[in-house]
Amino acid sequence: MDFNLLVETANQQQTEEAFIQLISEVQHLEEMFLLMSPGNKEVPFFGEEDNKNWMYVYTSYPQLEANAPLIFQESVQLHYVKIPTDELLPWLVQHQEHGVYGVRINEGPFGFWISLTDLRNLISESITTGESEDQLTITPNEEQ
């Protein structure tokens, strides 16, 4: 799946359906890559943007390799773990009670984000009915 194209399409359409399609494609991935802290590869990387705490995941290794270095002001060794998506998404949601606002996916020019509240609702909704949550708000990253 070409997530850059999906993000570009979602940005052009600016519709809830386009962003729901984007997250739906994420949910169908077999695995994702969670960015770990450069200082301690045993701990996920937590970043602050827009006065909110975020976790960073990537849809593929090429996305991680191209975009993760953009997060850091200096050159660092990138650490990541590859996790099955159906295990990763619920695990990410648990971090809301520890002050994490959301997840930045493929952070970079074609990145997008979702709050953990919306991610939890989407996961719950897809489990119980297979349909998307009506109040879902997903926003692509602005040009950086």
Foldseek 3Di string as FASTA:
>chain_A
DPLLVLLVVCVVVVDPVSVVVSVVVLLPQQKKKWWCDLVDLVHGDWDDDPNAIETEIERDPVLCVVQVCVVDPDDTDIHIDIGGSVVPLVVRLVCVVVRHFWYWYSPAQSIWIFGSVLSVQQVVCCVPPNDHDPPGDIGGDDHD
